[in-house]
Amino acid sequence: MLFNPDPIKFDLPDSDITYYPKCFSEEKSQIFYEKLLAETPWQQDDITVFGKTYPQPRLTALYANNKNSYTYSNITMQPHIFSPIVSEIKSIAESITNTKYTTCLLNLYRDGNDSNGWHADNEKELGEEPIIASISFGEARWFHLKHRTDKNLKAKILLENGSLLLMKGKTQKYWLHQIPKSKKVKNPRINLTFRIIK
């Protein structure tokens, strides 16, 4: 089930970013993808940007081993208790990253029209140097990065099926990231972002 991929360490200043391209076999990735798609209690919240409110351009769900809510972009989510499948994926993420996670925010990008704008995962409850382990199943999507102050510092990573992206250290303090829209993408992608809420 688990490959032993050679991690790719990104040499970007003010960051600590590692990409593990194939943590899961194609077969296991497909099983996880189908179960998560069918069994997750997906929701679509309204988001307000520059005074305008509209449906968030993706579906989400929150799981945790506690009752701590999570607030981002003026959306407060209440967690479900970890399901067996999310717990199984969490254990794998913990073994690869050597970190114990309390919470998982899942995103469902239904096609290339669904996206996530520029942001950092720097909410207070994530602590000074958040650790985010992001696992992808389904359609590959580009993940864009840009430095907050040095406009020349940019990067992009293709997040492939069965991969894990680990961001820690000062990454969220100095870098923004996004999943842009894409007319080429026709199929869904499920993204599990494991994190620690104090």
C-alpha atoms as a PDB file:
ATOM      1  CA  MET A   1       0.000   0.000   0.000  1.00  0.00           C
ATOM      2  CA  LEU A   2       2.671   2.479   1.028  1.00  0.00           C
ATOM      3  CA  PHE A   3       5.480   3.280  -1.354  1.00  0.00           C
ATOM      4  CA  ASN A   4       8.702   4.641   0.024  1.00  0.00           C
ATOM      5  CA  PRO A   5       9.000   7.733  -2.132  1.00  0.00           C
ATOM      6  CA  ASP A   6      12.075   9.897  -2.252  1.00  0.00           C
ATOM      7  CA  PRO A   7      10.869  13.183  -0.741  1.00  0.00           C
ATOM      8  CA  ILE A   8      11.522  16.384  -2.675  1.00  0.00           C
ATOM      9  CA  LYS A   9      12.742  19.190  -0.421  1.00  0.00           C
ATOM     10  CA  PHE A  10      12.067  22.661  -1.827  1.00  0.00           C
ATOM     11  CA  ASP A  11      14.895  25.150  -1.515  1.00  0.00           C
ATOM     12  CA  LEU A  12      12.770  28.235  -0.862  1.00  0.00           C
ATOM     13  CA  PRO A  13      13.849  30.898   1.657  1.00  0.00           C
ATOM     14  CA  ASP A  14      11.774  31.383   4.832  1.00  0.00           C
ATOM     15  CA  SER A  15      10.106  28.010   4.370  1.00  0.00           C
ATOM     16  CA  ASP A  16      10.204  24.293   5.171  1.00  0.00           C
ATOM     17  CA  ILE A  17       8.322  22.445   2.400  1.00  0.00           C
ATOM     18  CA  THR A  18       8.691  18.772   1.444  1.00  0.00           C
ATOM     19  CA  TYR A  19       6.767  16.863  -1.229  1.00  0.00           C
ATOM     20  CA  TYR A  20       6.284  13.091  -1.110  1.00  0.00           C
ATOM     21  CA  PRO A  21       5.067  12.214  -4.624  1.00  0.00           C
ATOM     22  CA  LYS A  22       3.702   8.684  -4.182  1.00  0.00           C
ATOM     23  CA  CYS A  23       2.731   7.804  -0.623  1.00  0.00           C
ATOM     24  CA  PHE A  24      -0.123   5.567  -1.784  1.00  0.00           C
ATOM     25  CA  SER A  25      -0.422   3.069  -4.635  1.00  0.00           C
ATOM     26  CA  GLU A  26      -2.834   3.840  -7.485  1.00  0.00           C
ATOM     27  CA  GLU A  27      -5.137   1.084  -6.223  1.00  0.00           C
ATOM     28  CA  LYS A  28      -5.230   2.311  -2.614  1.00  0.00           C
ATOM     29  CA  SER A  29      -5.601   5.932  -3.727  1.00  0.00           C
ATOM     30  CA  GLN A  30      -8.666   4.976  -5.775  1.00  0.00           C
ATOM     31  CA  ILE A  31     -10.235   3.127  -2.827  1.00  0.00           C
ATOM     32  CA  PHE A  32      -9.661   6.094  -0.491  1.00  0.00           C
ATOM     33  CA  TYR A  33     -10.936   8.537  -3.116  1.00  0.00           C
ATOM     34  CA  GLU A  34     -14.193   6.662  -3.713  1.00  0.00           C
ATOM     35  CA  LYS A  35     -14.908   6.114  -0.008  1.00  0.00           C
ATOM     36  CA  LEU A  36     -14.143   9.715   0.939  1.00  0.00           C
ATOM     37  CA  LEU A  37     -16.270  11.047  -1.919  1.00  0.00           C
ATOM     38  CA  ALA A  38     -19.258   8.922  -0.870  1.00  0.00           C
ATOM     39  CA  GLU A  39     -18.986   8.951   2.934  1.00  0.00           C
ATOM     40  CA  THR A  40     -17.825  12.490   3.829  1.00  0.00           C
ATOM     41  CA  PRO A  41     -20.535  14.903   5.088  1.00  0.00           C
ATOM     42  CA  TRP A  42     -19.545  17.613   2.590  1.00  0.00           C
ATOM     43  CA  GLN A  43     -20.821  21.165   3.136  1.00  0.00           C
ATOM     44  CA  GLN A  44     -20.635  24.397   1.164  1.00  0.00           C
ATOM     45  CA  ASP A  45     -20.337  27.553   3.259  1.00  0.00           C
ATOM     46  CA  ASP A  46     -20.767  31.142   2.174  1.00  0.00           C
ATOM     47  CA  ILE A  47     -17.596  33.222   2.090  1.00  0.00           C
ATOM     48  CA  THR A  48     -17.349  37.020   2.174  1.00  0.00           C
ATOM     49  CA  VAL A  49     -14.560  38.707   0.208  1.00  0.00           C
ATOM     50  CA  PHE A  50     -14.305  42.500  -0.129  1.00  0.00           C
ATOM     51  CA  GLY A  51     -17.858  42.873   1.202  1.00  0.00           C
ATOM     52  CA  LYS A  52     -19.430  40.410  -1.250  1.00  0.00           C
ATOM     53  CA  THR A  53     -20.821  37.072  -0.111  1.00  0.00           C
ATOM     54  CA  TYR A  54     -20.947  34.024  -2.367  1.00  0.00           C
ATOM     55  CA  PRO A  55     -20.795  30.205  -2.052  1.00  0.00           C
ATOM     56  CA  GLN A  56     -17.279  28.983  -1.340  1.00  0.00           C
ATOM     57  CA  PRO A  57     -15.915  27.492  -4.611  1.00  0.00           C
ATOM     58  CA  ARG A  58     -15.367  23.995  -3.143  1.00  0.00           C
ATOM     59  CA  LEU A  59     -16.946  21.683  -0.570  1.00  0.00           C
ATOM     60  CA  THR A  60     -15.427  21.076   2.860  1.00  0.00           C
ATOM     61  CA  ALA A  61     -15.665  18.919   5.984  1.00  0.00           C
ATOM     62  CA  LEU A  62     -13.879  19.061   9.344  1.00  0.00           C
ATOM     63  CA  TYR A  63     -12.830  16.109  11.492  1.00  0.00           C
ATOM     64  CA  ALA A  64     -11.062  16.130  14.865  1.00  0.00           C
ATOM     65  CA  ASN A  65     -10.325  14.066  17.957  1.00  0.00           C
ATOM     66  CA  ASN A  66     -11.851  16.858  20.068  1.00  0.00           C
ATOM     67  CA  LYS A  67     -14.679  19.399  19.897  1.00  0.00           C
ATOM     68  CA  ASN A  68     -12.510  22.407  19.012  1.00  0.00           C
ATOM     69  CA  SER A  69     -14.050  24.466  16.228  1.00  0.00           C
ATOM     70  CA  TYR A  70     -11.895  25.909  13.437  1.00  0.00           C
ATOM     71  CA  THR A  71     -12.356  29.405  12.039  1.00  0.00           C
ATOM     72  CA  TYR A  72     -10.899  30.698   8.762  1.00  0.00           C
ATOM     73  CA  SER A  73     -12.088  33.430   6.347  1.00  0.00           C
ATOM     74  CA  ASN A  74     -14.923  34.246   8.799  1.00  0.00           C
ATOM     75  CA  ILE A  75     -16.210  30.660   8.530  1.00  0.00           C
ATOM     76  CA  THR A  76     -16.440  28.661  11.762  1.00  0.00           C
ATOM     77  CA  MET A  77     -16.635  24.891  11.335  1.00  0.00           C
ATOM     78  CA  GLN A  78     -17.602  22.354  13.983  1.00  0.00           C
ATOM     79  CA  PRO A  79     -15.761  19.028  13.747  1.00  0.00           C
ATOM     80  CA  HIS A  80     -17.060  15.519  13.242  1.00  0.00           C
ATOM     81  CA  ILE A  81     -15.260  12.798  15.192  1.00  0.00           C
ATOM     82  CA  PHE A  82     -12.641  11.106  12.993  1.00  0.00           C
ATOM     83  CA  SER A  83     -14.213   8.442  10.788  1.00  0.00           C
ATOM     84  CA  PRO A  84     -12.415   5.089  10.342  1.00  0.00           C
ATOM     85  CA  ILE A  85     -11.160   6.026   6.861  1.00  0.00           C
ATOM     86  CA  VAL A  86      -9.874   9.481   7.881  1.00  0.00           C
ATOM     87  CA  SER A  87      -8.258   7.888  10.955  1.00  0.00           C
ATOM     88  CA  GLU A  88      -6.498   5.360   8.719  1.00  0.00           C
ATOM     89  CA  ILE A  89      -5.138   8.091   6.428  1.00  0.00           C
ATOM     90  CA  LYS A  90      -4.178  10.178   9.480  1.00  0.00           C
ATOM     91  CA  SER A  91      -2.083   7.300  10.867  1.00  0.00           C
ATOM     92  CA  ILE A  92      -0.193   7.065   7.578  1.00  0.00           C
ATOM     93  CA  ALA A  93       0.379  10.849   7.498  1.00  0.00           C
ATOM     94  CA  GLU A  94       1.632  10.716  11.100  1.00  0.00           C
ATOM     95  CA  SER A  95       4.084   7.902  10.351  1.00  0.00           C
ATOM     96  CA  ILE A  96       5.510   9.713   7.302  1.00  0.00           C
ATOM     97  CA  THR A  97       5.783  13.134   8.961  1.00  0.00           C
ATOM     98  CA  ASN A  98       6.541  11.945  12.520  1.00  0.00           C
ATOM     99  CA  THR A  99       3.822  14.277  13.877  1.00  0.00           C
ATOM    100  CA  LYS A 100       0.532  13.679  15.735  1.00  0.00           C
ATOM    101  CA  TYR A 101      -2.435  15.612  14.289  1.00  0.00           C
ATOM    102  CA  THR A 102      -5.637  16.617  16.096  1.00  0.00           C
ATOM    103  CA  THR A 103      -7.679  17.893  13.156  1.00  0.00           C
ATOM    104  CA  CYS A 104      -8.309  17.396   9.443  1.00  0.00           C
ATOM    105  CA  LEU A 105      -9.920  19.873   7.053  1.00  0.00           C
ATOM    106  CA  LEU A 106     -11.054  18.121   3.871  1.00  0.00           C
ATOM    107  CA  ASN A 107     -11.614  19.955   0.583  1.00  0.00           C
ATOM    108  CA  LEU A 108     -13.487  18.631  -2.440  1.00  0.00           C
ATOM    109  CA  TYR A 109     -12.620  20.403  -5.680  1.00  0.00           C
ATOM    110  CA  ARG A 110     -15.396  19.115  -7.963  1.00  0.00           C
ATOM    111  CA  ASP A 111     -13.668  20.242 -11.183  1.00  0.00           C
ATOM    112  CA  GLY A 112     -11.433  23.033 -12.467  1.00  0.00           C
ATOM    113  CA  ASN A 113     -14.020  25.689 -11.567  1.00  0.00           C
ATOM    114  CA  ASP A 114     -13.449  24.971  -7.874  1.00  0.00           C
ATOM    115  CA  SER A 115     -10.487  26.753  -6.352  1.00  0.00           C
ATOM    116  CA  ASN A 116      -8.878  28.214  -3.239  1.00  0.00           C
ATOM    117  CA  GLY A 117      -7.620  31.813  -3.331  1.00  0.00           C
ATOM    118  CA  TRP A 118      -4.336  33.177  -1.991  1.00  0.00           C
ATOM    119  CA  HIS A 119      -4.060  32.582   1.759  1.00  0.00           C
ATOM    120  CA  ALA A 120      -1.855  31.234   4.542  1.00  0.00           C
ATOM    121  CA  ASP A 121      -2.847  28.670   7.150  1.00  0.00           C
ATOM    122  CA  ASN A 122      -1.827  31.017   9.943  1.00  0.00           C
ATOM    123  CA  GLU A 123      -4.869  31.070  12.234  1.00  0.00           C
ATOM    124  CA  LYS A 124      -4.010  31.614  15.901  1.00  0.00           C
ATOM    125  CA  GLU A 125      -5.237  28.202  16.983  1.00  0.00           C
ATOM    126  CA  LEU A 126      -2.615  26.547  14.726  1.00  0.00           C
ATOM    127  CA  GLY A 127       0.253  28.014  16.784  1.00  0.00           C
ATOM    128  CA  GLU A 128       3.368  30.013  15.880  1.00  0.00           C
ATOM    129  CA  GLU A 129       4.774  27.580  13.318  1.00  0.00           C
ATOM    130  CA  PRO A 130       1.881  25.493  11.953  1.00  0.00           C
ATOM    131  CA  ILE A 131       2.507  22.000  10.584  1.00  0.00           C
ATOM    132  CA  ILE A 132       0.215  21.167   7.668  1.00  0.00           C
ATOM    133  CA  ALA A 133       0.256  17.727   5.998  1.00  0.00           C
ATOM    134  CA  SER A 134      -1.764  17.835   2.787  1.00  0.00           C
ATOM    135  CA  ILE A 135      -2.756  14.555   1.082  1.00  0.00           C
ATOM    136  CA  SER A 136      -4.314  14.483  -2.401  1.00  0.00           C
ATOM    137  CA  PHE A 137      -6.529  11.900  -4.090  1.00  0.00           C
ATOM    138  CA  GLY A 138      -8.057  12.140  -7.555  1.00  0.00           C
ATOM    139  CA  GLU A 139      -7.248  14.719 -10.216  1.00  0.00           C
ATOM    140  CA  ALA A 140      -3.825  16.410 -10.021  1.00  0.00           C
ATOM    141  CA  ARG A 141      -3.969  20.165  -9.342  1.00  0.00           C
ATOM    142  CA  TRP A 142      -1.334  22.899  -9.396  1.00  0.00           C
ATOM    143  CA  PHE A 143      -0.418  24.388  -6.007  1.00  0.00           C
ATOM    144  CA  HIS A 144       0.985  27.922  -6.330  1.00  0.00           C
ATOM    145  CA  LEU A 145       3.235  29.623  -3.766  1.00  0.00           C
ATOM    146  CA  LYS A 146       4.345  33.245  -3.509  1.00  0.00           C
ATOM    147  CA  HIS A 147       6.449  35.050  -0.914  1.00  0.00           C
ATOM    148  CA  ARG A 148       4.675  37.768   1.061  1.00  0.00           C
ATOM    149  CA  THR A 149       7.352  40.429   0.632  1.00  0.00           C
ATOM    150  CA  ASP A 150       9.689  39.345  -2.184  1.00  0.00           C
ATOM    151  CA  LYS A 151       7.490  39.386  -5.289  1.00  0.00           C
ATOM    152  CA  ASN A 152      10.180  37.569  -7.310  1.00  0.00           C
ATOM    153  CA  LEU A 153       9.910  34.461  -5.124  1.00  0.00           C
ATOM    154  CA  LYS A 154       7.292  32.105  -6.593  1.00  0.00           C
ATOM    155  CA  ALA A 155       6.902  28.357  -7.038  1.00  0.00           C
ATOM    156  CA  LYS A 156       4.355  25.816  -8.185  1.00  0.00           C
ATOM    157  CA  ILE A 157       3.962  22.133  -7.381  1.00  0.00           C
ATOM    158  CA  LEU A 158       1.743  19.619  -9.164  1.00  0.00           C
ATOM    159  CA  LEU A 159      -0.088  17.813  -6.344  1.00  0.00           C
ATOM    160  CA  GLU A 160      -0.598  14.336  -7.756  1.00  0.00           C
ATOM    161  CA  ASN A 161      -2.923  11.498  -6.813  1.00  0.00           C
ATOM    162  CA  GLY A 162      -1.635   9.733  -3.683  1.00  0.00           C
ATOM    163  CA  SER A 163       0.872  12.453  -2.755  1.00  0.00           C
ATOM    164  CA  LEU A 164       1.638  14.277   0.481  1.00  0.00           C
ATOM    165  CA  LEU A 165       2.835  17.884   0.811  1.00  0.00           C
ATOM    166  CA  LEU A 166       4.305  18.883   4.173  1.00  0.00           C
ATOM    167  CA  MET A 167       4.596  22.553   5.175  1.00  0.00           C
ATOM    168  CA  LYS A 168       6.074  23.566   8.509  1.00  0.00           C
ATOM    169  CA  GLY A 169       8.435  26.042  10.197  1.00  0.00           C
ATOM    170  CA  LYS A 170       8.027  29.628   9.022  1.00  0.00           C
ATOM    171  CA  THR A 171       6.242  28.725   5.769  1.00  0.00           C
ATOM    172  CA  GLN A 172       2.824  30.105   6.761  1.00  0.00           C
ATOM    173  CA  LYS A 173       4.381  33.308   8.122  1.00  0.00           C
ATOM    174  CA  TYR A 174       6.237  34.202   4.932  1.00  0.00           C
ATOM    175  CA  TRP A 175       4.379  32.428   2.115  1.00  0.00           C
ATOM    176  CA  LEU A 176       0.883  32.455   0.600  1.00  0.00           C
ATOM    177  CA  HIS A 177      -0.561  29.565  -1.409  1.00  0.00           C
ATOM    178  CA  GLN A 178      -3.520  28.870  -3.680  1.00  0.00           C
ATOM    179  CA  ILE A 179      -5.197  26.261  -5.881  1.00  0.00           C
ATOM    180  CA  PRO A 180      -6.162  28.280  -8.987  1.00  0.00           C
ATOM    181  CA  LYS A 181      -9.046  27.575 -11.335  1.00  0.00           C
ATOM    182  CA  SER A 182      -8.222  25.530 -14.440  1.00  0.00           C
ATOM    183  CA  LYS A 183     -10.269  24.952 -17.583  1.00  0.00           C
ATOM    184  CA  LYS A 184      -8.254  21.791 -18.283  1.00  0.00           C
ATOM    185  CA  VAL A 185      -9.373  20.022 -15.095  1.00  0.00           C
ATOM    186  CA  LYS A 186     -12.599  18.014 -15.505  1.00  0.00           C
ATOM    187  CA  ASN A 187     -12.516  15.574 -12.586  1.00  0.00           C
ATOM    188  CA  PRO A 188     -12.685  15.940  -8.784  1.00  0.00           C
ATOM    189  CA  ARG A 189      -9.790  16.147  -6.349  1.00  0.00           C
ATOM    190  CA  ILE A 190     -10.078  15.392  -2.630  1.00  0.00           C
ATOM    191  CA  ASN A 191      -7.550  17.034  -0.338  1.00  0.00           C
ATOM    192  CA  LEU A 192      -7.062  16.164   3.342  1.00  0.00           C
ATOM    193  CA  THR A 193      -5.128  18.791   5.308  1.00  0.00           C
ATOM    194  CA  PHE A 194      -4.006  17.474   8.677  1.00  0.00           C
ATOM    195  CA  ARG A 195      -3.129  20.062  11.305  1.00  0.00           C
ATOM    196  CA  ILE A 196      -2.711  20.594  15.048  1.00  0.00           C
ATOM    197  CA  ILE A 197      -5.208  22.816  16.847  1.00  0.00           C
ATOM    198  CA  LYS A 198      -3.922  23.761  20.272  1.00  0.00           C
END
